[in-house]
PDB file of N, CA and C in Angstrom:
ATOM      1  N   UNK A   1     -61.823  90.597 -24.284  1.00  0.00           N
ATOM      2  CA  UNK A   1     -62.458  90.858 -25.563  1.00  0.00           C
ATOM      3  C   UNK A   1     -63.824  91.531 -25.375  1.00  0.00           C
ATOM      4  N   UNK A   2     -64.520  91.202 -24.292  1.00  0.00           N
ATOM      5  CA  UNK A   2     -65.817  91.812 -24.024  1.00  0.00           C
ATOM      6  C   UNK A   2     -65.661  93.317 -23.824  1.00  0.00           C
ATOM      7  N   UNK A   3     -64.610  93.696 -23.107  1.00  0.00           N
ATOM      8  CA  UNK A   3     -64.349  95.117 -22.871  1.00  0.00           C
ATOM      9  C   UNK A   3     -64.155  95.840 -24.206  1.00  0.00           C
ATOM     10  N   UNK A   4     -63.425  95.231 -25.119  1.00  0.00           N
ATOM     11  CA  UNK A   4     -63.175  95.823 -26.433  1.00  0.00           C
ATOM     12  C   UNK A   4     -64.474  95.974 -27.219  1.00  0.00           C
ATOM     13  N   UNK A   5     -65.339  94.961 -27.172  1.00  0.00           N
ATOM     14  CA  UNK A   5     -66.596  95.019 -27.925  1.00  0.00           C
ATOM     15  C   UNK A   5     -67.565  96.050 -27.349  1.00  0.00           C
ATOM     16  N   UNK A   6     -67.640  96.157 -26.033  1.00  0.00           N
ATOM     17  CA  UNK A   6     -68.523  97.171 -25.453  1.00  0.00           C
ATOM     18  C   UNK A   6     -67.993  98.570 -25.737  1.00  0.00           C
ATOM     19  N   UNK A   7     -66.668  98.720 -25.726  1.00  0.00           N
ATOM     20  CA  UNK A   7     -66.060  99.997 -26.093  1.00  0.00           C
ATOM     21  C   UNK A   7     -66.426 100.354 -27.534  1.00  0.00           C
ATOM     22  N   UNK A   8     -66.380  99.375 -28.418  1.00  0.00           N
ATOM     23  CA  UNK A   8     -66.713  99.605 -29.824  1.00  0.00           C
ATOM     24  C   UNK A   8     -68.179 100.026 -29.986  1.00  0.00           C
ATOM     25  N   UNK A   9     -69.075  99.387 -29.255  1.00  0.00           N
ATOM     26  CA  UNK A   9     -70.500  99.730 -29.355  1.00  0.00           C
ATOM     27  C   UNK A   9     -70.759 101.161 -28.901  1.00  0.00           C
ATOM     28  N   UNK A  10     -70.170 101.545 -27.792  1.00  0.00           N
ATOM     29  CA  UNK A  10     -70.339 102.911 -27.294  1.00  0.00           C
ATOM     30  C   UNK A  10     -69.731 103.911 -28.273  1.00  0.00           C
ATOM     31  N   UNK A  11     -68.561 103.583 -28.778  1.00  0.00           N
ATOM     32  CA  UNK A  11     -67.883 104.468 -29.729  1.00  0.00           C
ATOM     33  C   UNK A  11     -68.718 104.626 -31.004  1.00  0.00           C
ATOM     34  N   UNK A  12     -69.286 103.532 -31.487  1.00  0.00           N
ATOM     35  CA  UNK A  12     -70.132 103.573 -32.675  1.00  0.00           C
ATOM     36  C   UNK A  12     -71.316 104.518 -32.444  1.00  0.00           C
ATOM     37  N   UNK A  13     -71.994 104.360 -31.317  1.00  0.00           N
ATOM     38  CA  UNK A  13     -73.163 105.182 -31.008  1.00  0.00           C
ATOM     39  C   UNK A  13     -72.799 106.664 -30.947  1.00  0.00           C
ATOM     40  N   UNK A  14     -71.725 106.978 -30.257  1.00  0.00           N
ATOM     41  CA  UNK A  14     -71.305 108.376 -30.127  1.00  0.00           C
ATOM     42  C   UNK A  14     -70.892 108.943 -31.485  1.00  0.00           C
ATOM     43  N   UNK A  15     -70.101 108.181 -32.238  1.00  0.00           N
ATOM     44  CA  UNK A  15     -69.651 108.643 -33.550  1.00  0.00           C
ATOM     45  C   UNK A  15     -70.817 108.904 -34.493  1.00  0.00           C
ATOM     46  N   UNK A  16     -71.758 107.952 -34.547  1.00  0.00           N
ATOM     47  CA  UNK A  16     -72.926 108.115 -35.405  1.00  0.00           C
ATOM     48  C   UNK A  16     -73.736 109.341 -34.991  1.00  0.00           C
ATOM     49  N   UNK A  17     -74.007 109.473 -33.714  1.00  0.00           N
ATOM     50  CA  UNK A  17     -74.839 110.570 -33.216  1.00  0.00           C
ATOM     51  C   UNK A  17     -74.230 111.928 -33.536  1.00  0.00           C
ATOM     52  N   UNK A  18     -72.949 112.079 -33.297  1.00  0.00           N
ATOM     53  CA  UNK A  18     -72.288 113.369 -33.552  1.00  0.00           C
ATOM     54  C   UNK A  18     -72.295 113.706 -35.036  1.00  0.00           C
ATOM     55  N   UNK A  19     -71.921 112.752 -35.878  1.00  0.00           N
ATOM     56  CA  UNK A  19     -71.873 113.028 -37.316  1.00  0.00           C
ATOM     57  C   UNK A  19     -73.277 113.263 -37.866  1.00  0.00           C
ATOM     58  N   UNK A  20     -74.251 112.511 -37.396  1.00  0.00           N
ATOM     59  CA  UNK A  20     -75.625 112.724 -37.845  1.00  0.00           C
ATOM     60  C   UNK A  20     -76.119 114.116 -37.449  1.00  0.00           C
ATOM     61  N   UNK A  21     -75.845 114.520 -36.215  1.00  0.00           N
ATOM     62  CA  UNK A  21     -76.279 115.854 -35.771  1.00  0.00           C
ATOM     63  C   UNK A  21     -75.579 116.962 -36.558  1.00  0.00           C
ATOM     64  N   UNK A  22     -74.333 116.737 -36.946  1.00  0.00           N
ATOM     65  CA  UNK A  22     -73.594 117.753 -37.702  1.00  0.00           C
ATOM     66  C   UNK A  22     -74.004 117.816 -39.168  1.00  0.00           C
ATOM     67  N   UNK A  23     -74.326 116.664 -39.757  1.00  0.00           N
ATOM     68  CA  UNK A  23     -74.604 116.630 -41.196  1.00  0.00           C
ATOM     69  C   UNK A  23     -76.080 116.416 -41.531  1.00  0.00           C
ATOM     70  N   UNK A  24     -76.821 115.790 -40.647  1.00  0.00           N
ATOM     71  CA  UNK A  24     -78.217 115.455 -40.934  1.00  0.00           C
ATOM     72  C   UNK A  24     -78.351 114.270 -41.873  1.00  0.00           C
ATOM     73  N   UNK A  25     -77.247 113.605 -42.169  1.00  0.00           N
ATOM     74  CA  UNK A  25     -77.265 112.493 -43.113  1.00  0.00           C
ATOM     75  C   UNK A  25     -77.072 111.162 -42.387  1.00  0.00           C
ATOM     76  N   UNK A  26     -78.054 110.264 -42.560  1.00  0.00           N
ATOM     77  CA  UNK A  26     -77.920 108.923 -41.992  1.00  0.00           C
ATOM     78  C   UNK A  26     -76.789 108.149 -42.659  1.00  0.00           C
ATOM     79  N   UNK A  27     -76.630 108.340 -43.973  1.00  0.00           N
ATOM     80  CA  UNK A  27     -75.598 107.614 -44.712  1.00  0.00           C
ATOM     81  C   UNK A  27     -74.199 108.024 -44.259  1.00  0.00           C
ATOM     82  N   UNK A  28     -73.943 109.319 -44.190  1.00  0.00           N
ATOM     83  CA  UNK A  28     -72.621 109.790 -43.768  1.00  0.00           C
ATOM     84  C   UNK A  28     -72.388 109.439 -42.300  1.00  0.00           C
ATOM     85  N   UNK A  29     -73.405 109.630 -41.474  1.00  0.00           N
ATOM     86  CA  UNK A  29     -73.283 109.265 -40.063  1.00  0.00           C
ATOM     87  C   UNK A  29     -72.958 107.795 -39.896  1.00  0.00           C
ATOM     88  N   UNK A  30     -73.646 106.947 -40.631  1.00  0.00           N
ATOM     89  CA  UNK A  30     -73.399 105.509 -40.562  1.00  0.00           C
ATOM     90  C   UNK A  30     -72.024 105.123 -41.065  1.00  0.00           C
ATOM     91  N   UNK A  31     -71.613 105.729 -42.177  1.00  0.00           N
ATOM     92  CA  UNK A  31     -70.300 105.409 -42.745  1.00  0.00           C
ATOM     93  C   UNK A  31     -69.174 105.815 -41.809  1.00  0.00           C
ATOM     94  N   UNK A  32     -69.223 107.038 -41.322  1.00  0.00           N
ATOM     95  CA  UNK A  32     -68.194 107.502 -40.397  1.00  0.00           C
ATOM     96  C   UNK A  32     -68.231 106.671 -39.113  1.00  0.00           C
ATOM     97  N   UNK A  33     -69.429 106.359 -38.638  1.00  0.00           N
ATOM     98  CA  UNK A  33     -69.566 105.594 -37.404  1.00  0.00           C
ATOM     99  C   UNK A  33     -69.045 104.165 -37.550  1.00  0.00           C
ATOM    100  N   UNK A  34     -69.010 103.637 -38.754  1.00  0.00           N
ATOM    101  CA  UNK A  34     -68.455 102.300 -38.964  1.00  0.00           C
ATOM    102  C   UNK A  34     -66.934 102.333 -39.110  1.00  0.00           C
ATOM    103  N   UNK A  35     -66.440 103.285 -39.879  1.00  0.00           N
ATOM    104  CA  UNK A  35     -65.013 103.320 -40.180  1.00  0.00           C
ATOM    105  C   UNK A  35     -64.182 103.784 -38.981  1.00  0.00           C
ATOM    106  N   UNK A  36     -64.530 104.907 -38.413  1.00  0.00           N
ATOM    107  CA  UNK A  36     -63.709 105.499 -37.347  1.00  0.00           C
ATOM    108  C   UNK A  36     -63.650 104.617 -36.093  1.00  0.00           C
ATOM    109  N   UNK A  37     -64.769 104.145 -35.558  1.00  0.00           N
ATOM    110  CA  UNK A  37     -64.669 103.271 -34.378  1.00  0.00           C
ATOM    111  C   UNK A  37     -63.979 101.936 -34.664  1.00  0.00           C
ATOM    112  N   UNK A  38     -64.133 101.418 -35.872  1.00  0.00           N
ATOM    113  CA  UNK A  38     -63.453 100.174 -36.220  1.00  0.00           C
ATOM    114  C   UNK A  38     -61.944 100.351 -36.119  1.00  0.00           C
ATOM    115  N   UNK A  39     -61.442 101.433 -36.682  1.00  0.00           N
ATOM    116  CA  UNK A  39     -60.005 101.718 -36.601  1.00  0.00           C
ATOM    117  C   UNK A  39     -59.571 101.916 -35.152  1.00  0.00           C
ATOM    118  N   UNK A  40     -60.349 102.663 -34.383  1.00  0.00           N
ATOM    119  CA  UNK A  40     -60.010 102.902 -32.984  1.00  0.00           C
ATOM    120  C   UNK A  40     -60.111 101.633 -32.144  1.00  0.00           C
ATOM    121  N   UNK A  41     -61.050 100.766 -32.439  1.00  0.00           N
ATOM    122  CA  UNK A  41     -61.197  99.524 -31.684  1.00  0.00           C
ATOM    123  C   UNK A  41     -60.000  98.618 -31.905  1.00  0.00           C
ATOM    124  N   UNK A  42     -59.555  98.517 -33.137  1.00  0.00           N
ATOM    125  CA  UNK A  42     -58.358  97.721 -33.436  1.00  0.00           C
ATOM    126  C   UNK A  42     -57.149  98.324 -32.720  1.00  0.00           C
ATOM    127  N   UNK A  43     -56.999  99.640 -32.794  1.00  0.00           N
ATOM    128  CA  UNK A  43     -55.889 100.303 -32.113  1.00  0.00           C
ATOM    129  C   UNK A  43     -55.974 100.087 -30.603  1.00  0.00           C
ATOM    130  N   UNK A  44     -57.177 100.166 -30.042  1.00  0.00           N
ATOM    131  CA  UNK A  44     -57.374  99.971 -28.602  1.00  0.00           C
ATOM    132  C   UNK A  44     -56.989  98.550 -28.184  1.00  0.00           C
ATOM    133  N   UNK A  45     -57.372  97.561 -28.986  1.00  0.00           N
ATOM    134  CA  UNK A  45     -57.040  96.169 -28.696  1.00  0.00           C
ATOM    135  C   UNK A  45     -55.529  95.987 -28.585  1.00  0.00           C
ATOM    136  N   UNK A  46     -54.791  96.515 -29.563  1.00  0.00           N
ATOM    137  CA  UNK A  46     -53.341  96.379 -29.533  1.00  0.00           C
ATOM    138  C   UNK A  46     -52.714  97.249 -28.450  1.00  0.00           C
ATOM    139  N   UNK A  47     -53.306  98.398 -28.166  1.00  0.00           N
ATOM    140  CA  UNK A  47     -52.837  99.241 -27.069  1.00  0.00           C
ATOM    141  C   UNK A  47     -52.906  98.467 -25.753  1.00  0.00           C
ATOM    142  N   UNK A  48     -54.021  97.753 -25.518  1.00  0.00           N
ATOM    143  CA  UNK A  48     -54.164  96.956 -24.303  1.00  0.00           C
ATOM    144  C   UNK A  48     -53.116  95.852 -24.230  1.00  0.00           C
ATOM    145  N   UNK A  49     -52.851  95.192 -25.355  1.00  0.00           N
ATOM    146  CA  UNK A  49     -51.835  94.135 -25.397  1.00  0.00           C
ATOM    147  C   UNK A  49     -50.458  94.698 -25.033  1.00  0.00           C
ATOM    148  N   UNK A  50     -50.108  95.823 -25.638  1.00  0.00           N
ATOM    149  CA  UNK A  50     -48.815  96.444 -25.371  1.00  0.00           C
ATOM    150  C   UNK A  50     -48.751  96.936 -23.927  1.00  0.00           C
ATOM    151  N   UNK A  51     -49.814  97.551 -23.445  1.00  0.00           N
ATOM    152  CA  UNK A  51     -49.874  98.051 -22.068  1.00  0.00           C
ATOM    153  C   UNK A  51     -49.650  96.901 -21.075  1.00  0.00           C
ATOM    154  N   UNK A  52     -50.342  95.792 -21.300  1.00  0.00           N
ATOM    155  CA  UNK A  52     -50.182  94.634 -20.410  1.00  0.00           C
ATOM    156  C   UNK A  52     -48.783  94.052 -20.471  1.00  0.00           C
ATOM    157  N   UNK A  53     -48.181  94.041 -21.660  1.00  0.00           N
ATOM    158  CA  UNK A  53     -46.811  93.541 -21.803  1.00  0.00           C
ATOM    159  C   UNK A  53     -45.857  94.337 -20.908  1.00  0.00           C
ATOM    160  N   UNK A  54     -45.934  95.660 -20.983  1.00  0.00           N
ATOM    161  CA  UNK A  54     -45.049  96.488 -20.182  1.00  0.00           C
ATOM    162  C   UNK A  54     -45.411  96.439 -18.692  1.00  0.00           C
ATOM    163  N   UNK A  55     -46.687  96.306 -18.377  1.00  0.00           N
ATOM    164  CA  UNK A  55     -47.100  96.182 -16.978  1.00  0.00           C
ATOM    165  C   UNK A  55     -46.526  94.907 -16.371  1.00  0.00           C
ATOM    166  N   UNK A  56     -46.628  93.797 -17.089  1.00  0.00           N
ATOM    167  CA  UNK A  56     -46.085  92.536 -16.597  1.00  0.00           C
ATOM    168  C   UNK A  56     -44.568  92.572 -16.517  1.00  0.00           C
ATOM    169  N   UNK A  57     -43.939  93.207 -17.494  1.00  0.00           N
ATOM    170  CA  UNK A  57     -42.480  93.339 -17.491  1.00  0.00           C
ATOM    171  C   UNK A  57     -42.035  94.147 -16.273  1.00  0.00           C
ATOM    172  N   UNK A  58     -42.753  95.219 -15.976  1.00  0.00           N
ATOM    173  CA  UNK A  58     -42.418  96.053 -14.824  1.00  0.00           C
ATOM    174  C   UNK A  58     -42.623  95.281 -13.517  1.00  0.00           C
ATOM    175  N   UNK A  59     -43.710  94.517 -13.447  1.00  0.00           N
ATOM    176  CA  UNK A  59     -43.968  93.715 -12.252  1.00  0.00           C
ATOM    177  C   UNK A  59     -42.869  92.670 -12.053  1.00  0.00           C
ATOM    178  N   UNK A  60     -42.416  92.080 -13.125  1.00  0.00           N
ATOM    179  CA  UNK A  60     -41.339  91.092 -13.050  1.00  0.00           C
ATOM    180  C   UNK A  60     -40.061  91.759 -12.562  1.00  0.00           C
ATOM    181  N   UNK A  61     -39.745  92.936 -13.084  1.00  0.00           N
ATOM    182  CA  UNK A  61     -38.546  93.654 -12.656  1.00  0.00           C
ATOM    183  C   UNK A  61     -38.641  94.046 -11.187  1.00  0.00           C
ATOM    184  N   UNK A  62     -39.834  94.387 -10.727  1.00  0.00           N
ATOM    185  CA  UNK A  62     -40.025  94.764  -9.327  1.00  0.00           C
ATOM    186  C   UNK A  62     -39.778  93.561  -8.416  1.00  0.00           C
ATOM    187  N   UNK A  63     -40.249  92.384  -8.834  1.00  0.00           N
ATOM    188  CA  UNK A  63     -40.056  91.178  -8.018  1.00  0.00           C
ATOM    189  C   UNK A  63     -38.594  90.771  -7.956  1.00  0.00           C
ATOM    190  N   UNK A  64     -37.835  91.039  -9.015  1.00  0.00           N
ATOM    191  CA  UNK A  64     -36.424  90.642  -9.041  1.00  0.00           C
ATOM    192  C   UNK A  64     -35.528  91.687  -8.404  1.00  0.00           C
ATOM    193  N   UNK A  65     -36.100  92.824  -8.045  1.00  0.00           N
ATOM    194  CA  UNK A  65     -35.302  93.866  -7.408  1.00  0.00           C
ATOM    195  C   UNK A  65     -34.583  94.765  -8.395  1.00  0.00           C
ATOM    196  N   UNK A  66     -34.864  94.623  -9.690  1.00  0.00           N
ATOM    197  CA  UNK A  66     -34.232  95.465 -10.701  1.00  0.00           C
ATOM    198  C   UNK A  66     -35.099  96.686 -10.934  1.00  0.00           C
ATOM    199  N   UNK A  67     -34.570  97.827 -10.629  1.00  0.00           N
ATOM    200  CA  UNK A  67     -35.277  99.087 -10.825  1.00  0.00           C
ATOM    201  C   UNK A  67     -34.471  99.934 -11.806  1.00  0.00           C
ATOM    202  N   UNK A  68     -34.902 100.022 -13.076  1.00  0.00           N
ATOM    203  CA  UNK A  68     -34.128 100.797 -14.044  1.00  0.00           C
ATOM    204  C   UNK A  68     -34.095 102.279 -13.674  1.00  0.00           C
ATOM    205  N   UNK A  69     -32.945 102.857 -13.810  1.00  0.00           N
ATOM    206  CA  UNK A  69     -32.795 104.289 -13.593  1.00  0.00           C
ATOM    207  C   UNK A  69     -32.752 104.990 -14.929  1.00  0.00           C
ATOM    208  N   UNK A  70     -32.727 106.293 -14.912  1.00  0.00           N
ATOM    209  CA  UNK A  70     -32.663 107.078 -16.152  1.00  0.00           C
ATOM    210  C   UNK A  70     -31.417 106.704 -16.948  1.00  0.00           C
ATOM    211  N   UNK A  71     -30.312 106.503 -16.275  1.00  0.00           N
ATOM    212  CA  UNK A  71     -29.067 106.155 -16.974  1.00  0.00           C
ATOM    213  C   UNK A  71     -29.151 104.758 -17.602  1.00  0.00           C
ATOM    214  N   UNK A  72     -29.749 103.803 -16.920  1.00  0.00           N
ATOM    215  CA  UNK A  72     -29.864 102.457 -17.440  1.00  0.00           C
ATOM    216  C   UNK A  72     -30.834 102.373 -18.599  1.00  0.00           C
ATOM    217  N   UNK A  73     -31.831 103.232 -18.613  1.00  0.00           N
ATOM    218  CA  UNK A  73     -32.844 103.199 -19.673  1.00  0.00           C
ATOM    219  C   UNK A  73     -32.280 103.692 -20.990  1.00  0.00           C
ATOM    220  N   UNK A  74     -31.200 104.478 -20.955  1.00  0.00           N
ATOM    221  CA  UNK A  74     -30.658 105.024 -22.195  1.00  0.00           C
ATOM    222  C   UNK A  74     -29.850 104.032 -22.868  1.00  0.00           C
TER     223      UNK A  74
END
């Protein structure tokens, strides 16, 4: 969870800075910086969960000696 929160903080800073430099508006920069990183942080959290699920599944298959081939995957 710490990794997700630090990612969100960095994303917020970058998003705010870019939008502020493009528009000159603190309000628009702040709004975009809150909405866009929030959506990406939630997506990133679930991406990590899904990534770990498949990583563990693959590790389990490797330990059991099951190696799916292209034909088996279909």
